[in-house]
Protein backbone atom coordinates (compact mmCIF):
# COMPACT_ATOMS: atom_id res chain seq x y z
CA MET A 1 -17.02 1.79 18.86
CA GLN A 2 -15.15 -2.17 18.98
CA SER A 3 -12.13 -1.40 21.53
CA ILE A 4 -9.21 -3.34 20.91
CA ALA A 5 -8.37 -6.25 23.25
CA THR A 6 -5.78 -4.31 26.26
CA THR A 7 -3.95 -6.54 29.07
CA ASN A 8 -6.51 -5.24 31.54
CA ASP A 9 -9.38 -6.48 31.66
CA GLN A 10 -10.95 -4.09 34.48
CA PHE A 11 -10.22 -1.02 31.63
CA GLU A 12 -12.49 -0.30 29.00
CA SER A 13 -12.30 2.87 27.59
CA LEU A 14 -14.71 4.76 24.05
CA SER A 15 -11.79 5.57 22.44
CA PRO A 16 -9.47 3.12 20.95
CA PRO A 17 -6.01 2.46 21.86
CA VAL A 18 -3.20 3.94 20.39
CA MET A 19 -0.40 1.13 19.58
CA ARG A 20 2.67 2.55 18.39
CA ALA A 21 5.59 0.27 16.92
CA SER A 22 8.71 -0.54 14.93
CA THR A 23 9.70 -3.92 15.62
CA VAL A 24 7.33 -7.08 16.59
CA VAL A 25 8.44 -9.50 18.92
CA PHE A 26 7.79 -12.96 18.90
CA LYS A 27 7.30 -15.74 21.57
CA THR A 28 10.10 -18.66 20.17
CA PHE A 29 12.12 -18.95 17.12
CA ASP A 30 9.43 -20.43 15.09
CA ASP A 31 7.92 -18.15 15.23
CA PHE A 32 9.93 -15.69 13.84
CA VAL A 33 10.98 -18.28 10.74
CA GLN A 34 7.67 -18.40 9.66
CA ARG A 35 6.05 -14.47 10.31
CA LYS A 36 5.47 -14.35 6.76
CA SER A 37 2.87 -16.89 7.07
CA ARG A 38 0.92 -13.96 9.70
CA GLN A 39 0.05 -11.60 6.56
CA PRO A 40 -1.95 -10.38 5.22
CA ASP A 41 -3.84 -9.78 8.36
CA GLY A 42 -1.57 -10.13 11.10
CA PHE A 43 1.36 -8.48 12.28
CA SER A 44 5.28 -9.23 11.43
CA TYR A 45 7.17 -5.92 11.20
CA GLY A 46 5.58 -1.96 11.74
CA ILE A 47 5.48 -1.26 7.93
CA THR A 48 1.92 -3.27 7.54
CA GLY A 49 0.77 -1.99 10.45
CA THR A 50 -0.06 -2.39 14.39
CA PRO A 51 -3.43 -3.42 16.19
CA THR A 52 -5.01 0.54 15.87
CA ALA A 53 -4.42 0.64 11.83
CA ARG A 54 -6.16 -2.93 11.26
CA GLY A 55 -8.72 -1.39 13.25
CA LEU A 56 -9.25 1.46 11.44
CA GLU A 57 -9.29 -1.05 7.84
CA ARG A 58 -11.96 -3.36 9.33
CA LYS A 59 -14.49 -0.19 10.48
CA ILE A 60 -13.45 1.33 6.41
CA ALA A 61 -13.89 -2.09 4.98
CA ALA A 62 -17.46 -2.53 7.22
CA LEU A 63 -18.64 1.23 5.85
CA GLU A 64 -17.62 0.39 2.14
CA GLY A 65 -19.39 -2.62 1.84
CA GLY A 66 -15.83 -5.14 1.17
CA ARG A 67 -14.18 -7.71 3.36
CA HIS A 68 -11.09 -6.32 3.24
CA CYS A 69 -8.64 -2.56 3.04
CA VAL A 70 -5.51 -1.56 3.69
CA VAL A 71 -5.06 2.07 4.50
CA THR A 72 -1.86 4.06 3.60
CA PRO A 73 -0.14 6.80 4.42
CA SER A 74 -2.20 9.35 2.31
CA GLY A 75 -5.03 9.45 -1.10
CA GLN A 76 -2.22 9.97 -3.24
CA SER A 77 0.01 6.48 -2.21
CA ALA A 78 -3.82 4.32 -2.21
CA LEU A 79 -3.73 5.58 -6.19
CA MET A 80 -0.17 4.04 -6.40
CA THR A 81 -0.68 1.28 -4.35
CA THR A 82 -3.61 -0.20 -5.95
CA VAL A 83 -1.87 0.27 -9.62
CA MET A 84 1.63 -0.52 -8.95
CA GLY A 85 0.45 -4.12 -7.12
CA PHE A 86 -0.79 -5.07 -10.49
CA VAL A 87 -0.09 -3.02 -13.40
CA ARG A 88 3.49 -4.16 -15.04
CA GLY A 89 5.65 -3.64 -18.43
CA GLY A 90 3.52 -4.82 -21.07
CA ASP A 91 -0.04 -3.96 -19.73
CA HIS A 92 -2.53 -1.58 -21.26
CA LEU A 93 -3.58 1.01 -18.49
CA LEU A 94 -6.92 3.15 -19.23
CA VAL A 95 -7.49 6.40 -17.12
CA SER A 96 -9.81 8.89 -16.78
CA ALA A 97 -8.85 12.19 -17.77
CA ALA A 98 -10.56 13.92 -15.04
CA CYS A 99 -9.01 11.50 -12.40
CA TYR A 100 -6.58 13.13 -10.30
CA GLY A 101 -3.77 15.10 -11.77
CA ALA A 102 -1.09 13.02 -9.59
CA LEU A 103 -2.39 9.38 -10.87
CA LYS A 104 -2.34 11.19 -14.79
CA SER A 105 1.13 12.62 -13.64
CA PHE A 106 2.80 9.37 -12.44
CA ALA A 107 0.83 7.02 -15.11
CA LEU A 108 2.79 9.46 -17.95
CA LYS A 109 6.00 10.28 -16.27
CA TRP A 110 6.70 6.53 -14.39
CA LEU A 111 4.75 3.74 -15.86
CA ALA A 112 4.81 4.74 -19.46
CA GLN A 113 8.85 5.07 -19.14
CA MET A 114 8.28 1.60 -17.37
CA ASP A 115 6.88 -0.12 -20.92
CA VAL A 116 2.76 0.45 -19.59
CA GLU A 117 1.02 1.37 -22.23
CA VAL A 118 -0.73 4.47 -20.81
CA GLU A 119 -4.35 5.41 -22.19
CA PHE A 120 -6.80 8.18 -20.75
CA TYR A 121 -10.47 7.85 -21.88
CA PRO A 122 -12.76 10.60 -21.76
CA PRO A 123 -14.28 11.20 -18.32
CA ALA A 124 -18.26 10.88 -19.31
CA ILE A 125 -17.96 7.64 -20.64
CA GLY A 126 -19.58 4.62 -20.00
CA ALA A 127 -20.18 0.77 -21.70
CA GLU A 128 -18.71 2.15 -24.67
CA ILE A 129 -15.31 1.95 -22.74
CA GLU A 130 -15.19 -2.20 -24.11
CA SER A 131 -13.96 -0.42 -27.49
CA LEU A 132 -10.77 1.01 -26.01
CA ILE A 133 -9.92 -2.38 -24.06
CA ARG A 134 -6.90 -4.56 -25.62
CA PRO A 135 -5.68 -7.46 -24.94
CA ASN A 136 -3.12 -6.28 -22.86
CA THR A 137 -5.61 -4.11 -20.94
CA ARG A 138 -4.61 -5.16 -17.08
CA MET A 139 -6.53 -2.07 -15.13
CA ILE A 140 -9.21 0.93 -15.58
CA CYS A 141 -8.60 4.01 -13.42
CA MET A 142 -11.91 5.67 -12.48
CA GLU A 143 -12.79 8.91 -10.72
CA SER A 144 -16.46 9.95 -10.43
CA PRO A 145 -17.18 13.02 -10.75
CA GLY A 146 -13.87 14.04 -11.92
CA THR A 147 -11.85 15.94 -9.69
CA VAL A 148 -11.76 19.24 -10.71
CA THR A 149 -14.67 19.20 -13.49
CA MET A 150 -16.88 17.05 -11.87
CA GLU A 151 -17.96 14.74 -15.26
CA MET A 152 -19.78 11.85 -14.72
CA GLN A 153 -19.63 8.47 -15.92
CA ASP A 154 -21.43 5.37 -15.32
CA THR A 155 -19.57 3.29 -12.95
CA PRO A 156 -21.78 0.10 -13.04
CA ALA A 157 -21.76 -0.42 -16.85
CA ILE A 158 -17.45 -0.15 -17.26
CA ALA A 159 -17.33 -2.55 -14.01
CA ALA A 160 -19.63 -4.84 -16.01
CA VAL A 161 -17.54 -4.60 -19.20
CA ALA A 162 -14.09 -5.02 -17.28
CA ARG A 163 -15.16 -7.93 -15.40
CA ARG A 164 -16.99 -9.50 -18.68
CA ARG A 165 -13.35 -8.96 -20.39
CA GLY A 166 -10.75 -9.86 -17.47
CA VAL A 167 -10.01 -6.17 -16.24
CA LEU A 168 -9.41 -5.08 -12.90
CA THR A 169 -11.06 -1.80 -11.84
CA MET A 170 -10.29 0.58 -9.46
CA MET A 171 -12.59 4.04 -8.27
CA ASP A 172 -11.65 6.93 -6.50
CA ASN A 173 -14.90 7.44 -4.73
CA THR A 174 -13.38 10.13 -2.46
CA TRP A 175 -16.01 12.88 -3.43
CA ALA A 176 -18.90 10.74 -2.38
CA SER A 177 -17.36 8.82 0.50
CA PRO A 178 -18.75 5.46 1.61
CA LEU A 179 -21.60 6.78 2.45
CA GLY A 180 -23.15 8.52 -0.44
CA PHE A 181 -21.66 6.12 -3.02
CA ARG A 182 -20.47 2.21 -2.77
CA PRO A 183 -18.75 1.23 -5.75
CA LEU A 184 -17.52 -2.64 -4.14
CA ASP A 185 -21.54 -2.81 -5.03
CA HIS A 186 -21.60 -1.95 -8.54
CA GLY A 187 -18.97 -3.88 -9.43
CA VAL A 188 -16.10 -2.43 -8.90
CA ASP A 189 -12.17 -4.45 -7.62
CA PHE A 190 -10.83 -1.11 -5.73
CA SER A 191 -12.73 1.60 -3.63
CA ILE A 192 -10.34 4.52 -3.05
CA GLU A 193 -10.64 6.98 -0.58
CA ALA A 194 -8.54 9.94 0.52
CA ALA A 195 -9.26 9.50 4.33
CA THR A 196 -7.71 12.67 4.50
CA LYS A 197 -10.96 14.37 3.52
CA PHE A 198 -14.50 13.51 4.75
CA LEU A 199 -13.50 9.87 6.81
CA GLY A 200 -10.76 12.31 8.91
CA GLY A 201 -12.65 15.20 8.41
CA HIS A 202 -10.60 17.70 10.07
CA SER A 203 -8.07 18.82 7.78
CA ASP A 204 -5.28 17.56 9.89
CA LEU A 205 -4.05 14.48 8.61
CA LEU A 206 -2.58 12.55 5.41
CA MET A 207 -4.32 9.13 4.64
CA GLY A 208 -5.67 7.09 1.60
CA SER A 209 -7.65 3.79 2.07
CA ILE A 210 -8.08 0.50 -0.44
CA SER A 211 -11.47 -1.52 0.34
CA MET A 212 -11.80 -4.62 -1.43
CA ASN A 213 -13.59 -8.25 -1.24
CA ASP A 214 -11.36 -10.65 -3.18
CA HIS A 215 -8.93 -12.18 -0.66
CA ALA A 216 -6.32 -12.47 -2.99
CA HIS A 217 -6.04 -9.40 -4.25
CA TYR A 218 -5.93 -7.94 -0.46
CA ASP A 219 -2.75 -10.54 -0.25
CA VAL A 220 -0.88 -8.31 -3.50
CA LEU A 221 -1.99 -5.08 -1.67
CA ARG A 222 -0.70 -5.81 1.92
CA GLU A 223 2.32 -7.18 0.07
CA THR A 224 2.72 -4.19 -1.80
CA GLN A 225 2.38 -1.78 0.81
CA SER A 226 5.28 -4.06 2.90
CA ILE A 227 7.46 -3.68 -0.29
CA LEU A 228 7.09 0.04 -1.00
CA GLY A 229 6.92 1.22 2.65
CA GLN A 230 3.46 2.61 2.88
CA GLN A 231 3.44 2.90 6.51
CA VAL A 232 0.42 4.68 8.34
CA SER A 233 1.41 6.45 11.81
CA PRO A 234 -1.43 5.17 14.30
CA ASP A 235 -2.07 8.18 15.97
CA ASP A 236 -3.56 9.47 12.46
CA CYS A 237 -5.51 6.06 12.46
CA PHE A 238 -6.59 7.04 15.62
CA LEU A 239 -8.18 10.49 14.20
CA VAL A 240 -9.36 8.76 11.41
CA LEU A 241 -11.81 6.68 13.99
CA ARG A 242 -12.70 9.64 16.17
CA GLY A 243 -13.11 10.98 12.58
CA LEU A 244 -15.91 8.41 11.78
CA GLU A 245 -17.51 8.68 14.56
CA THR A 246 -18.95 12.05 12.95
CA LEU A 247 -19.15 11.17 9.38
CA LYS A 248 -21.60 10.58 9.05
CA LEU A 249 -24.08 14.09 10.37
CA ARG A 250 -20.87 16.51 8.60
CA LEU A 251 -21.66 15.25 5.92
CA GLU A 252 -25.71 14.91 5.93
CA ALA A 253 -24.60 19.12 7.16
CA GLN A 254 -22.39 20.29 4.55
CA SER A 255 -24.03 18.30 1.79
CA ALA A 256 -27.26 20.11 2.59
CA SER A 257 -25.05 23.03 2.77
CA THR A 258 -23.27 22.59 -0.22
CA LEU A 259 -26.81 22.32 -2.26
CA ARG A 260 -27.90 25.83 -1.25
CA VAL A 261 -24.37 27.24 -2.01
CA ALA A 262 -24.41 26.01 -5.45
CA ARG A 263 -28.54 26.99 -6.43
CA TRP A 264 -27.58 30.03 -5.80
CA LEU A 265 -24.20 30.96 -7.35
CA ALA A 266 -26.53 29.36 -10.88
CA ASP A 267 -28.50 31.92 -10.08
CA GLN A 268 -25.70 34.84 -10.54
CA PRO A 269 -25.10 36.73 -13.31
CA GLU A 270 -21.20 36.70 -12.69
CA VAL A 271 -21.40 32.84 -13.76
CA GLU A 272 -20.93 31.13 -16.94
CA ARG A 273 -21.45 27.41 -15.69
CA LEU A 274 -21.84 25.39 -12.93
CA LEU A 275 -19.82 21.61 -12.69
CA TYR A 276 -21.75 20.32 -9.76
CA PRO A 277 -24.05 17.00 -11.19
CA PRO A 278 -26.71 16.95 -8.05
CA LEU A 279 -27.89 20.08 -10.16
CA GLU A 280 -30.58 18.95 -12.89
CA SER A 281 -28.72 21.13 -14.93
CA ASP A 282 -25.71 19.33 -14.87
CA PRO A 283 -25.30 17.11 -18.00
CA GLY A 284 -24.19 14.33 -15.29
CA HIS A 285 -27.11 14.64 -12.78
CA ALA A 286 -29.25 11.83 -13.93
CA LEU A 287 -26.22 8.86 -13.34
CA TRP A 288 -25.82 11.10 -10.25
CA LYS A 289 -29.51 10.71 -8.93
CA ARG A 290 -29.38 6.77 -10.12
CA ASP A 291 -26.46 5.85 -7.90
CA PHE A 292 -25.57 8.66 -5.51
CA ARG A 293 -27.34 9.17 -2.25
CA THR A 294 -25.50 12.25 -1.13
CA ASN A 295 -24.55 15.90 -2.82
CA GLY A 296 -21.15 16.24 -1.48
CA CYS A 297 -19.16 19.54 -0.66
CA LEU A 298 -16.96 19.67 -3.41
CA PHE A 299 -17.90 21.54 -6.50
CA SER A 300 -16.70 24.06 -9.00
CA LEU A 301 -17.81 27.01 -11.18
CA VAL A 302 -16.79 28.47 -14.16
CA LEU A 303 -17.36 32.26 -14.32
CA LYS A 304 -17.64 35.05 -17.05
CA PRO A 305 -14.77 35.77 -18.83
CA GLY A 306 -12.41 37.98 -17.89
CA PRO A 307 -8.64 39.13 -17.20
CA GLU A 308 -6.11 37.33 -14.60
CA ARG A 309 -6.82 40.38 -12.35
CA ALA A 310 -10.69 40.01 -11.60
CA PHE A 311 -9.67 36.55 -10.27
CA HIS A 312 -7.42 38.52 -7.95
CA GLY A 313 -10.66 40.25 -7.30
CA PHE A 314 -12.53 37.53 -6.15
CA PHE A 315 -10.03 35.74 -3.96
CA ASP A 316 -8.63 39.02 -2.14
CA SER A 317 -12.48 39.90 -1.59
CA LEU A 318 -12.85 36.56 0.08
CA LYS A 319 -13.07 36.22 4.45
CA GLN A 320 -14.93 33.45 5.48
CA PHE A 321 -13.47 30.78 2.28
CA VAL A 322 -9.74 30.24 2.73
CA ILE A 323 -7.61 29.56 -0.04
CA GLY A 324 -6.56 26.23 -0.54
CA ALA A 325 -6.55 22.91 -2.50
CA SER A 326 -7.07 19.96 -0.27
CA TRP A 327 -11.27 19.99 0.55
CA GLY A 328 -13.82 17.65 2.83
CA GLY A 329 -13.05 19.32 6.36
CA VAL A 330 -14.87 21.56 8.45
CA HIS A 331 -13.79 24.62 7.13
CA SER A 332 -14.47 25.78 3.54
CA LEU A 333 -11.88 26.27 1.12
CA ALA A 334 -11.35 27.92 -2.50
CA ALA A 335 -9.21 27.34 -5.05
CA TYR A 336 -8.59 28.13 -8.65
CA TYR A 337 -7.06 26.29 -11.52
CA PRO A 338 -5.55 28.16 -15.07
CA ALA A 339 -7.06 27.78 -18.24
CA ALA A 340 -4.36 26.28 -19.46
CA LEU A 341 -4.84 23.26 -17.19
CA GLN A 342 -8.17 22.82 -18.46
CA ALA A 343 -6.78 23.29 -22.40
CA GLY A 344 -3.97 20.98 -21.79
CA ARG A 345 -6.62 18.02 -21.24
CA VAL A 346 -6.96 15.53 -23.72
CA PHE A 347 -10.72 15.51 -23.07
CA PRO A 348 -11.58 19.54 -21.89
CA ALA A 349 -14.44 20.13 -20.47
CA THR A 350 -13.88 24.18 -20.27
CA ASP A 351 -10.81 26.14 -22.00
CA GLN A 352 -11.11 28.63 -19.49
CA PRO A 353 -10.39 28.55 -15.63
CA VAL A 354 -12.35 26.75 -13.07
CA ILE A 355 -12.64 28.09 -9.47
CA ARG A 356 -13.01 24.83 -7.22
CA LEU A 357 -14.99 25.01 -3.54
CA SER A 358 -15.37 23.04 -0.62
CA ILE A 359 -18.35 23.78 1.32
CA GLY A 360 -17.51 23.28 5.48
CA LEU A 361 -19.71 23.76 8.49
CA GLU A 362 -19.76 27.21 8.69
CA ASP A 363 -23.03 29.11 8.46
CA THR A 364 -24.23 28.86 4.94
CA ASP A 365 -25.64 32.21 4.82
CA ASP A 366 -22.16 34.09 6.03
CA LEU A 367 -20.70 31.89 2.86
CA ILE A 368 -23.05 32.99 0.14
CA ALA A 369 -22.34 36.40 1.74
CA ASP A 370 -18.93 35.12 1.46
CA LEU A 371 -19.13 34.54 -2.11
CA GLU A 372 -21.32 37.44 -2.79
CA ALA A 373 -18.55 40.18 -1.84
CA GLY A 374 -16.00 37.54 -4.11
CA LEU A 375 -18.05 38.44 -7.04
CA ALA A 376 -18.63 41.41 -6.82
CA GLY A 377 -14.48 41.82 -6.02
CA TYR A 378 -14.31 39.87 -9.85
CA GLY A 379 -17.74 41.65 -11.30
CA ALA A 380 -15.58 45.40 -9.94
CA LEU A 381 -12.04 44.16 -12.51
CA LEU A 382 -14.10 43.02 -15.80
CA PRO A 383 -13.27 45.36 -18.48
CA ALA A 384 -16.21 48.09 -18.79
CA GLY A 385 -18.73 47.36 -21.28
């Protein structure tokens, strides 16, 4: 890892220093008066980061194949900061119906009340998105695969249409990480990562990142970060820098285990459907195979129809899997999304409850045995016959 310069040239470390600051001081009056000219890369106040944050931003930008990066306090804040930097009243915003739920809520409950025209589009769309673009369309918000129901979309085709029509594009790339897919290489303007997940890797921090190539966009987003107060703790930046050291190893191991677990589940009689693009049976498999380089660690499944008490039986039987809504760390997690949530979607992939699993670094055989117990607990509470 490239070290950050210190004041003592006789001390070097493999671990980057953590530089904390709220107040940045200036050597001269002129430096202070001209402090805003230091942005977007320099330092004028702690709200836009210290050298620890800049070191992390350079690392993430390099992983993304981008020239610039802004880190924010969470993946959610990275999505909001990107939208708030460029979308204004009177604009039209296209949002995938499979995007992260809080982004959709933000669009409906806040942006729509500020005269932004919000429209959700089918999450498996490709170049046909052109029919939805209006003269005032400002941005397209993508996530592929979808955060719960795992729909794949043709990202390069959408980006090509958007660029031709002068529309900005952003993509939540957390599922794949930059090691599995690099949106900027495929024409997307902003690649968003919830560094909370794979990049940090240990379920002990919240952070987001926005990577891009255009310097004018970078300038806008650094200013937006400052205005919205999206400061990131230097200590958390250090933790993500440390997590990046093992990212490739963790992702390779989790990807292999996840594919094995998913293939096993697909053969179980209690499972009606697997939502996981790396499986050949998934509708998005061809797009995944064409564009992606990893299997991820996250997928969803739909069980044979049963009463709610049967789901209690499934989750109560788990010992290895912990119940929790996040993912991407070294511990395996299971989460439940009720049928009402799916039925309420504009383009539902299913009207049944969804179980989402995140595969960690535990022994794969132990995870399969745990899921076998969960399915037995589910089946035991199904109606007879």
